Amino acid sequence: MDSGRLSRGRSYARKGQVMDIEVEPGVVVSRVQGTRPRPYNVKIRLKPLSDRQWEKVFDVLAGQAIFAAQLLNGEMPPDVEEAFEAVSVPLFPDNRGDLVTSCSCPDSANPCKHIAAVYYLLGERFDEDPFLLFELRGRNQDAVTAALRQRRAAESGPAEVTYTPTAVVPVDAPSLDEDLERFWAMGEAAADLPLAISRPTPPFALLKRVGLPAFPGLAAGGFQRQMERVYDAVTEAALAAAFADTTARGWDEDDNGERGDD
């Protein structure tokens, strides 16, 4: 690749001479304004993955809880390429020959400076929205999340449960009438329960996994934002309740949870 054309392509990209970039399955289409009045048409082609290849990838992604949770939450796992490598499916081009580029300019070199300019900005677009690479390979973000939800739902379907009754061991405990004052008190064994109170990671994973309810006329974006606000409010309230300093609000440890007389 000629360094001079690369340098001029970078300059074109920085000066805003790439008028638009459209990413579609298997092709990137762009217009680049050169020295002539009419912009040049640039195309970058990358063969989409087959349906069978995508099915293999989806099986791996759905089988990895962290991959599925991040993708359903609209996040691209940094090591997502491992899922493709596990089934010998290339996410990125293996070699230069996998990319077929063309430009309507008179320059016989390929890539020319116009193609180079699109390369630079396309890399930035992929950094901003990694799902565009999936779309170039044949599946957009909606298709990816739909496939993962379908697999996760199938995995969590009803299963046959065998119930074996266990013997009831009598517990030597005082009756409620005898120990009414301690009804709301925390027993000694509760102190040994393992508790980890923190914000869910990643956020809204369950909401993303469940998806939208099938209500007619439901606005997808509005419902999602409203539910995220509800989840945030519930999280804040739960954290505040869990870590609240009860003594600062007039509570007395010796009065079994009753408000002090201050």
C-alpha atoms as a PDB file:
ATOM      1  CA  MET A   1       0.000   0.000   0.000  1.00  0.00           C
ATOM      2  CA  ASP A   2       1.541   3.287  -1.139  1.00  0.00           C
ATOM      3  CA  SER A   3       2.456   5.510   1.829  1.00  0.00           C
ATOM      4  CA  GLY A   4       1.805   8.682  -0.162  1.00  0.00           C
ATOM      5  CA  ARG A   5      -1.746   7.661  -0.963  1.00  0.00           C
ATOM      6  CA  LEU A   6      -2.277   6.637   2.650  1.00  0.00           C
ATOM      7  CA  SER A   7      -1.128  10.065   3.814  1.00  0.00           C
ATOM      8  CA  ARG A   8      -3.391  11.862   1.346  1.00  0.00           C
ATOM      9  CA  GLY A   9      -6.258   9.584   2.324  1.00  0.00           C
ATOM     10  CA  ARG A  10      -5.755  10.470   5.982  1.00  0.00           C
ATOM     11  CA  SER A  11      -5.781  14.148   5.028  1.00  0.00           C
ATOM     12  CA  TYR A  12      -9.027  13.683   3.069  1.00  0.00           C
ATOM     13  CA  ALA A  13     -10.597  11.976   6.073  1.00  0.00           C
ATOM     14  CA  ARG A  14      -9.522  14.722   8.485  1.00  0.00           C
ATOM     15  CA  LYS A  15     -10.721  17.507   6.167  1.00  0.00           C
ATOM     16  CA  GLY A  16     -14.216  16.035   5.969  1.00  0.00           C
ATOM     17  CA  GLN A  17     -14.067  15.059   2.305  1.00  0.00           C
ATOM     18  CA  VAL A  18     -15.707  11.698   3.012  1.00  0.00           C
ATOM     19  CA  MET A  19     -19.312  12.742   2.479  1.00  0.00           C
ATOM     20  CA  ASP A  20     -21.017   9.631   3.836  1.00  0.00           C
ATOM     21  CA  ILE A  21     -20.453   6.004   4.785  1.00  0.00           C
ATOM     22  CA  GLU A  22     -23.153   3.336   4.634  1.00  0.00           C
ATOM     23  CA  VAL A  23     -22.505  -0.121   6.088  1.00  0.00           C
ATOM     24  CA  GLU A  24     -24.655  -2.923   4.700  1.00  0.00           C
ATOM     25  CA  PRO A  25     -24.318  -6.709   4.795  1.00  0.00           C
ATOM     26  CA  GLY A  26     -21.262  -7.484   2.711  1.00  0.00           C
ATOM     27  CA  VAL A  27     -20.490  -3.969   1.497  1.00  0.00           C
ATOM     28  CA  VAL A  28     -19.492  -0.476   2.597  1.00  0.00           C
ATOM     29  CA  VAL A  29     -20.627   2.297   0.258  1.00  0.00           C
ATOM     30  CA  SER A  30     -19.176   5.797   0.450  1.00  0.00           C
ATOM     31  CA  ARG A  31     -18.762   9.028  -1.498  1.00  0.00           C
ATOM     32  CA  VAL A  32     -15.515  10.982  -1.323  1.00  0.00           C
ATOM     33  CA  GLN A  33     -15.118  14.513  -2.637  1.00  0.00           C
ATOM     34  CA  GLY A  34     -11.923  14.804  -4.651  1.00  0.00           C
ATOM     35  CA  THR A  35     -10.574  17.651  -6.762  1.00  0.00           C
ATOM     36  CA  ARG A  36     -13.376  17.322  -9.307  1.00  0.00           C
ATOM     37  CA  PRO A  37     -16.905  18.678  -8.742  1.00  0.00           C
ATOM     38  CA  ARG A  38     -18.537  15.250  -8.670  1.00  0.00           C
ATOM     39  CA  PRO A  39     -17.617  13.001  -5.700  1.00  0.00           C
ATOM     40  CA  TYR A  40     -16.129   9.575  -6.314  1.00  0.00           C
ATOM     41  CA  ASN A  41     -17.977   6.400  -5.405  1.00  0.00           C
ATOM     42  CA  VAL A  42     -16.097   3.985  -3.160  1.00  0.00           C
ATOM     43  CA  LYS A  43     -17.116   0.403  -2.375  1.00  0.00           C
ATOM     44  CA  ILE A  44     -15.476  -2.005   0.055  1.00  0.00           C
ATOM     45  CA  ARG A  45     -16.782  -5.562  -0.129  1.00  0.00           C
ATOM     46  CA  LEU A  46     -16.352  -8.280   2.495  1.00  0.00           C
ATOM     47  CA  LYS A  47     -18.108 -11.600   2.040  1.00  0.00           C
ATOM     48  CA  PRO A  48     -20.868 -12.076   4.651  1.00  0.00           C
ATOM     49  CA  LEU A  49     -20.839 -15.184   6.798  1.00  0.00           C
ATOM     50  CA  SER A  50     -23.252 -17.916   5.789  1.00  0.00           C
ATOM     51  CA  ASP A  51     -26.377 -18.730   7.799  1.00  0.00           C
ATOM     52  CA  ARG A  52     -24.719 -21.946   8.974  1.00  0.00           C
ATOM     53  CA  GLN A  53     -21.633 -20.063  10.157  1.00  0.00           C
ATOM     54  CA  TRP A  54     -23.749 -17.560  12.078  1.00  0.00           C
ATOM     55  CA  GLU A  55     -25.733 -20.363  13.700  1.00  0.00           C
ATOM     56  CA  LYS A  56     -22.489 -21.881  14.993  1.00  0.00           C
ATOM     57  CA  VAL A  57     -21.355 -18.516  16.345  1.00  0.00           C
ATOM     58  CA  PHE A  58     -24.709 -17.874  18.032  1.00  0.00           C
ATOM     59  CA  ASP A  59     -24.547 -21.271  19.741  1.00  0.00           C
ATOM     60  CA  VAL A  60     -21.164 -20.369  21.241  1.00  0.00           C
ATOM     61  CA  LEU A  61     -22.232 -16.849  22.253  1.00  0.00           C
ATOM     62  CA  ALA A  62     -25.420 -18.090  23.917  1.00  0.00           C
ATOM     63  CA  GLY A  63     -23.456 -20.754  25.775  1.00  0.00           C
ATOM     64  CA  GLN A  64     -21.158 -18.162  27.364  1.00  0.00           C
ATOM     65  CA  ALA A  65     -23.149 -16.257  29.997  1.00  0.00           C
ATOM     66  CA  ILE A  66     -20.865 -13.213  30.001  1.00  0.00           C
ATOM     67  CA  PHE A  67     -20.917 -12.927  26.198  1.00  0.00           C
ATOM     68  CA  ALA A  68     -24.699 -13.240  26.057  1.00  0.00           C
ATOM     69  CA  ALA A  69     -25.293 -10.760  28.894  1.00  0.00           C
ATOM     70  CA  GLN A  70     -23.021  -8.114  27.379  1.00  0.00           C
ATOM     71  CA  LEU A  71     -24.413  -8.470  23.865  1.00  0.00           C
ATOM     72  CA  LEU A  72     -28.016  -8.379  25.102  1.00  0.00           C
ATOM     73  CA  ASN A  73     -27.102  -5.259  27.037  1.00  0.00           C
ATOM     74  CA  GLY A  74     -25.870  -3.584  23.858  1.00  0.00           C
ATOM     75  CA  GLU A  75     -22.182  -4.045  24.691  1.00  0.00           C
ATOM     76  CA  MET A  76     -19.550  -5.714  22.557  1.00  0.00           C
ATOM     77  CA  PRO A  77     -17.362  -8.141  24.557  1.00  0.00           C
ATOM     78  CA  PRO A  78     -13.707  -7.191  24.039  1.00  0.00           C
ATOM     79  CA  ASP A  79     -12.772 -10.834  23.416  1.00  0.00           C
ATOM     80  CA  VAL A  80     -15.785 -11.705  21.240  1.00  0.00           C
ATOM     81  CA  GLU A  81     -13.446 -12.928  18.497  1.00  0.00           C
ATOM     82  CA  GLU A  82     -12.801 -16.006  20.658  1.00  0.00           C
ATOM     83  CA  ALA A  83     -16.371 -17.156  19.988  1.00  0.00           C
ATOM     84  CA  PHE A  84     -15.729 -17.012  16.240  1.00  0.00           C
ATOM     85  CA  GLU A  85     -12.368 -18.748  16.545  1.00  0.00           C
ATOM     86  CA  ALA A  86     -13.981 -21.557  18.575  1.00  0.00           C
ATOM     87  CA  VAL A  87     -15.960 -22.632  15.493  1.00  0.00           C
ATOM     88  CA  SER A  88     -13.282 -21.656  12.929  1.00  0.00           C
ATOM     89  CA  VAL A  89     -15.318 -18.754  11.576  1.00  0.00           C
ATOM     90  CA  PRO A  90     -13.416 -15.535  10.769  1.00  0.00           C
ATOM     91  CA  LEU A  91     -14.821 -12.305  12.154  1.00  0.00           C
ATOM     92  CA  PHE A  92     -12.060 -10.153  10.689  1.00  0.00           C
ATOM     93  CA  PRO A  93     -10.616 -10.590   7.189  1.00  0.00           C
ATOM     94  CA  ASP A  94      -7.912 -13.261   7.162  1.00  0.00           C
ATOM     95  CA  ASN A  95      -5.936 -11.544   4.432  1.00  0.00           C
ATOM     96  CA  ARG A  96      -6.029  -8.554   2.128  1.00  0.00           C
ATOM     97  CA  GLY A  97      -7.685 -10.615  -0.591  1.00  0.00           C
ATOM     98  CA  ASP A  98     -10.838 -10.945   1.527  1.00  0.00           C
ATOM     99  CA  LEU A  99     -11.513  -7.234   0.960  1.00  0.00           C
ATOM    100  CA  VAL A 100     -12.523  -6.207  -2.561  1.00  0.00           C
ATOM    101  CA  THR A 101     -12.307  -2.441  -3.035  1.00  0.00           C
ATOM    102  CA  SER A 102     -13.198  -0.164  -5.925  1.00  0.00           C
ATOM    103  CA  CYS A 103     -13.341   3.567  -6.644  1.00  0.00           C
ATOM    104  CA  SER A 104     -14.718   5.528  -9.599  1.00  0.00           C
ATOM    105  CA  CYS A 105     -11.666   7.816  -9.692  1.00  0.00           C
ATOM    106  CA  PRO A 106      -9.151   7.548 -12.595  1.00  0.00           C
ATOM    107  CA  ASP A 107      -6.318   6.384 -10.309  1.00  0.00           C
ATOM    108  CA  SER A 108      -5.331   2.828 -11.234  1.00  0.00           C
ATOM    109  CA  ALA A 109      -3.810   2.156  -7.812  1.00  0.00           C
ATOM    110  CA  ASN A 110      -5.879   0.156  -5.367  1.00  0.00           C
ATOM    111  CA  PRO A 111      -6.329   1.335  -2.740  1.00  0.00           C
ATOM    112  CA  CYS A 112      -6.331   4.918  -3.933  1.00  0.00           C
ATOM    113  CA  LYS A 113      -6.408   7.905  -1.585  1.00  0.00           C
ATOM    114  CA  HIS A 114     -10.228   7.917  -1.636  1.00  0.00           C
ATOM    115  CA  ILE A 115     -10.414   4.290  -0.512  1.00  0.00           C
ATOM    116  CA  ALA A 116      -7.748   5.017   2.108  1.00  0.00           C
ATOM    117  CA  ALA A 117      -9.843   7.919   3.444  1.00  0.00           C
ATOM    118  CA  VAL A 118     -12.838   5.600   3.839  1.00  0.00           C
ATOM    119  CA  TYR A 119     -10.651   3.025   5.612  1.00  0.00           C
ATOM    120  CA  TYR A 120      -9.604   5.601   8.198  1.00  0.00           C
ATOM    121  CA  LEU A 121     -13.133   6.737   8.985  1.00  0.00           C
ATOM    122  CA  LEU A 122     -14.528   3.207   8.846  1.00  0.00           C
ATOM    123  CA  GLY A 123     -12.080   2.214  11.575  1.00  0.00           C
ATOM    124  CA  GLU A 124     -13.383   5.065  13.717  1.00  0.00           C
ATOM    125  CA  ARG A 125     -16.971   3.992  13.042  1.00  0.00           C
ATOM    126  CA  PHE A 126     -16.165   0.444  14.157  1.00  0.00           C
ATOM    127  CA  ASP A 127     -14.658   1.815  17.379  1.00  0.00           C
ATOM    128  CA  GLU A 128     -17.817   3.843  18.038  1.00  0.00           C
ATOM    129  CA  ASP A 129     -20.221   1.035  17.115  1.00  0.00           C
ATOM    130  CA  PRO A 130     -18.569  -2.417  17.013  1.00  0.00           C
ATOM    131  CA  PHE A 131     -21.866  -3.985  15.927  1.00  0.00           C
ATOM    132  CA  LEU A 132     -21.264  -2.474  12.472  1.00  0.00           C
ATOM    133  CA  LEU A 133     -18.665  -5.185  11.900  1.00  0.00           C
ATOM    134  CA  PHE A 134     -21.326  -7.795  12.636  1.00  0.00           C
ATOM    135  CA  GLU A 135     -23.616  -6.040  10.160  1.00  0.00           C
ATOM    136  CA  LEU A 136     -20.900  -6.052   7.515  1.00  0.00           C
ATOM    137  CA  ARG A 137     -20.593  -9.792   8.122  1.00  0.00           C
ATOM    138  CA  GLY A 138     -24.333 -10.256   7.607  1.00  0.00           C
ATOM    139  CA  ARG A 139     -26.130  -9.755  10.956  1.00  0.00           C
ATOM    140  CA  ASN A 140     -27.096  -6.429  12.506  1.00  0.00           C
ATOM    141  CA  GLN A 141     -27.467  -5.830  16.242  1.00  0.00           C
ATOM    142  CA  ASP A 142     -31.199  -6.609  16.295  1.00  0.00           C
ATOM    143  CA  ALA A 143     -30.628  -9.944  14.556  1.00  0.00           C
ATOM    144  CA  VAL A 144     -27.866 -10.848  17.011  1.00  0.00           C
ATOM    145  CA  THR A 145     -29.930 -10.072  20.118  1.00  0.00           C
ATOM    146  CA  ALA A 146     -32.985 -11.861  18.691  1.00  0.00           C
ATOM    147  CA  ALA A 147     -30.953 -15.019  18.039  1.00  0.00           C
ATOM    148  CA  LEU A 148     -29.449 -14.943  21.531  1.00  0.00           C
ATOM    149  CA  ARG A 149     -32.831 -14.404  23.211  1.00  0.00           C
ATOM    150  CA  GLN A 150     -34.286 -17.314  21.278  1.00  0.00           C
ATOM    151  CA  ARG A 151     -31.520 -19.635  22.412  1.00  0.00           C
ATOM    152  CA  ARG A 152     -31.580 -18.441  26.015  1.00  0.00           C
ATOM    153  CA  ALA A 153     -35.355 -18.909  26.147  1.00  0.00           C
ATOM    154  CA  ALA A 154     -35.033 -22.453  24.805  1.00  0.00           C
ATOM    155  CA  GLU A 155     -32.369 -23.283  27.390  1.00  0.00           C
ATOM    156  CA  SER A 156     -34.482 -21.990  30.277  1.00  0.00           C
ATOM    157  CA  GLY A 157     -37.661 -23.781  29.188  1.00  0.00           C
ATOM    158  CA  PRO A 158     -39.689 -26.030  31.495  1.00  0.00           C
ATOM    159  CA  ALA A 159     -37.732 -29.026  32.714  1.00  0.00           C
ATOM    160  CA  GLU A 160     -38.930 -32.255  34.292  1.00  0.00           C
ATOM    161  CA  VAL A 161     -38.534 -32.122  38.058  1.00  0.00           C
ATOM    162  CA  THR A 162     -38.480 -35.199  40.258  1.00  0.00           C
ATOM    163  CA  TYR A 163     -39.702 -34.495  43.784  1.00  0.00           C
ATOM    164  CA  THR A 164     -38.546 -36.659  46.643  1.00  0.00           C
ATOM    165  CA  PRO A 165     -40.195 -35.874  49.987  1.00  0.00           C
ATOM    166  CA  THR A 166     -37.797 -35.408  52.861  1.00  0.00           C
ATOM    167  CA  ALA A 167     -38.413 -36.324  56.441  1.00  0.00           C
ATOM    168  CA  VAL A 168     -39.616 -33.488  58.645  1.00  0.00           C
ATOM    169  CA  VAL A 169     -37.257 -32.911  61.531  1.00  0.00           C
ATOM    170  CA  PRO A 170     -39.009 -31.425  64.558  1.00  0.00           C
ATOM    171  CA  VAL A 171     -37.518 -28.146  65.706  1.00  0.00           C
ATOM    172  CA  ASP A 172     -37.415 -27.323  69.377  1.00  0.00           C
ATOM    173  CA  ALA A 173     -38.534 -23.710  69.136  1.00  0.00           C
ATOM    174  CA  PRO A 174     -40.788 -21.640  71.373  1.00  0.00           C
ATOM    175  CA  SER A 175     -44.310 -20.947  70.182  1.00  0.00           C
ATOM    176  CA  LEU A 176     -45.220 -17.536  68.809  1.00  0.00           C
ATOM    177  CA  ASP A 177     -47.206 -16.691  71.935  1.00  0.00           C
ATOM    178  CA  GLU A 178     -44.181 -17.400  74.116  1.00  0.00           C
ATOM    179  CA  ASP A 179     -41.729 -15.398  72.001  1.00  0.00           C
ATOM    180  CA  LEU A 180     -43.854 -12.693  70.369  1.00  0.00           C
ATOM    181  CA  GLU A 181     -41.454  -9.857  71.219  1.00  0.00           C
ATOM    182  CA  ARG A 182     -38.679 -11.469  69.162  1.00  0.00           C
ATOM    183  CA  PHE A 183     -40.817 -12.134  66.095  1.00  0.00           C
ATOM    184  CA  TRP A 184     -39.259  -9.322  64.021  1.00  0.00           C
ATOM    185  CA  ALA A 185     -35.752  -9.691  65.462  1.00  0.00           C
ATOM    186  CA  MET A 186     -32.919 -11.178  63.417  1.00  0.00           C
ATOM    187  CA  GLY A 187     -31.778 -14.560  64.676  1.00  0.00           C
ATOM    188  CA  GLU A 188     -28.143 -15.322  65.402  1.00  0.00           C
ATOM    189  CA  ALA A 189     -27.850 -17.649  62.392  1.00  0.00           C
ATOM    190  CA  ALA A 190     -28.777 -14.817  60.014  1.00  0.00           C
ATOM    191  CA  ALA A 191     -25.454 -13.121  60.698  1.00  0.00           C
ATOM    192  CA  ASP A 192     -23.660 -15.988  58.927  1.00  0.00           C
ATOM    193  CA  LEU A 193     -25.666 -15.659  55.696  1.00  0.00           C
ATOM    194  CA  PRO A 194     -23.403 -14.617  52.754  1.00  0.00           C
ATOM    195  CA  LEU A 195     -24.746 -11.347  51.332  1.00  0.00           C
ATOM    196  CA  ALA A 196     -23.260  -9.221  48.548  1.00  0.00           C
ATOM    197  CA  ILE A 197     -25.161  -6.003  47.940  1.00  0.00           C
ATOM    198  CA  SER A 198     -24.013  -4.055  44.893  1.00  0.00           C
ATOM    199  CA  ARG A 199     -25.195  -2.664  41.586  1.00  0.00           C
ATOM    200  CA  PRO A 200     -25.939  -5.300  38.933  1.00  0.00           C
ATOM    201  CA  THR A 201     -23.175  -5.848  36.387  1.00  0.00           C
ATOM    202  CA  PRO A 202     -23.719  -5.361  33.526  1.00  0.00           C
ATOM    203  CA  PRO A 203     -26.643  -2.967  34.123  1.00  0.00           C
ATOM    204  CA  PHE A 204     -30.111  -3.859  32.813  1.00  0.00           C
ATOM    205  CA  ALA A 205     -28.940  -7.336  31.721  1.00  0.00           C
ATOM    206  CA  LEU A 206     -32.238  -8.997  32.696  1.00  0.00           C
ATOM    207  CA  LEU A 207     -34.258  -6.234  31.052  1.00  0.00           C
ATOM    208  CA  LYS A 208     -32.311  -6.676  27.822  1.00  0.00           C
ATOM    209  CA  ARG A 209     -32.634 -10.439  27.956  1.00  0.00           C
ATOM    210  CA  VAL A 210     -36.396 -10.471  28.512  1.00  0.00           C
ATOM    211  CA  GLY A 211     -37.026  -7.949  25.744  1.00  0.00           C
ATOM    212  CA  LEU A 212     -40.165  -5.939  25.064  1.00  0.00           C
ATOM    213  CA  PRO A 213     -43.621  -7.189  26.092  1.00  0.00           C
ATOM    214  CA  ALA A 214     -46.027  -7.845  23.251  1.00  0.00           C
ATOM    215  CA  PHE A 215     -48.283  -4.859  23.953  1.00  0.00           C
ATOM    216  CA  PRO A 216     -49.869  -3.283  20.857  1.00  0.00           C
ATOM    217  CA  GLY A 217     -48.715   0.247  20.140  1.00  0.00           C
ATOM    218  CA  LEU A 218     -45.787   0.037  22.564  1.00  0.00           C
ATOM    219  CA  ALA A 219     -42.943   2.407  21.705  1.00  0.00           C
ATOM    220  CA  ALA A 220     -39.757   0.352  22.050  1.00  0.00           C
ATOM    221  CA  GLY A 221     -37.391   3.189  22.880  1.00  0.00           C
ATOM    222  CA  GLY A 222     -39.726   4.899  25.343  1.00  0.00           C
ATOM    223  CA  PHE A 223     -40.518   1.693  27.213  1.00  0.00           C
ATOM    224  CA  GLN A 224     -36.843   0.764  27.457  1.00  0.00           C
ATOM    225  CA  ARG A 225     -35.850   4.176  28.830  1.00  0.00           C
ATOM    226  CA  GLN A 226     -38.736   4.207  31.309  1.00  0.00           C
ATOM    227  CA  MET A 227     -37.886   0.746  32.620  1.00  0.00           C
ATOM    228  CA  GLU A 228     -34.214   1.690  32.936  1.00  0.00           C
ATOM    229  CA  ARG A 229     -35.237   4.665  35.083  1.00  0.00           C
ATOM    230  CA  VAL A 230     -37.343   2.335  37.251  1.00  0.00           C
ATOM    231  CA  TYR A 231     -34.440  -0.110  37.600  1.00  0.00           C
ATOM    232  CA  ASP A 232     -32.116   2.753  38.544  1.00  0.00           C
ATOM    233  CA  ALA A 233     -34.573   4.030  41.155  1.00  0.00           C
ATOM    234  CA  VAL A 234     -35.037   0.566  42.669  1.00  0.00           C
ATOM    235  CA  THR A 235     -31.262   0.055  42.766  1.00  0.00           C
ATOM    236  CA  GLU A 236     -30.693   3.385  44.518  1.00  0.00           C
ATOM    237  CA  ALA A 237     -33.450   2.671  47.043  1.00  0.00           C
ATOM    238  CA  ALA A 238     -32.110  -0.823  47.751  1.00  0.00           C
ATOM    239  CA  LEU A 239     -28.560   0.425  48.261  1.00  0.00           C
ATOM    240  CA  ALA A 240     -29.762   3.249  50.490  1.00  0.00           C
ATOM    241  CA  ALA A 241     -31.780   0.836  52.622  1.00  0.00           C
ATOM    242  CA  ALA A 242     -28.960  -1.697  52.819  1.00  0.00           C
ATOM    243  CA  PHE A 243     -26.285   0.735  53.914  1.00  0.00           C
ATOM    244  CA  ALA A 244     -28.396   3.183  55.893  1.00  0.00           C
ATOM    245  CA  ASP A 245     -27.179   4.297  59.331  1.00  0.00           C
ATOM    246  CA  THR A 246     -30.280   3.550  61.400  1.00  0.00           C
ATOM    247  CA  THR A 247     -28.881   5.164  64.547  1.00  0.00           C
ATOM    248  CA  ALA A 248     -28.625   8.491  62.735  1.00  0.00           C
ATOM    249  CA  ARG A 249     -32.381   8.383  62.080  1.00  0.00           C
ATOM    250  CA  GLY A 250     -33.479   7.873  65.665  1.00  0.00           C
ATOM    251  CA  TRP A 251     -33.482   4.088  65.837  1.00  0.00           C
ATOM    252  CA  ASP A 252     -32.507   2.336  69.050  1.00  0.00           C
ATOM    253  CA  GLU A 253     -30.935  -1.111  68.912  1.00  0.00           C
ATOM    254  CA  ASP A 254     -32.539  -1.974  72.265  1.00  0.00           C
ATOM    255  CA  ASP A 255     -36.135  -1.205  71.351  1.00  0.00           C
ATOM    256  CA  ASN A 256     -36.594  -4.057  68.807  1.00  0.00           C
ATOM    257  CA  GLY A 257     -37.047  -1.761  65.845  1.00  0.00           C
ATOM    258  CA  GLU A 258     -39.334   0.866  67.399  1.00  0.00           C
ATOM    259  CA  ARG A 259     -38.832   4.581  66.840  1.00  0.00           C
ATOM    260  CA  GLY A 260     -37.114   6.417  69.707  1.00  0.00           C
ATOM    261  CA  ASP A 261     -38.909   9.101  71.734  1.00  0.00           C
ATOM    262  CA  ASP A 262     -36.736  12.016  70.627  1.00  0.00           C
END
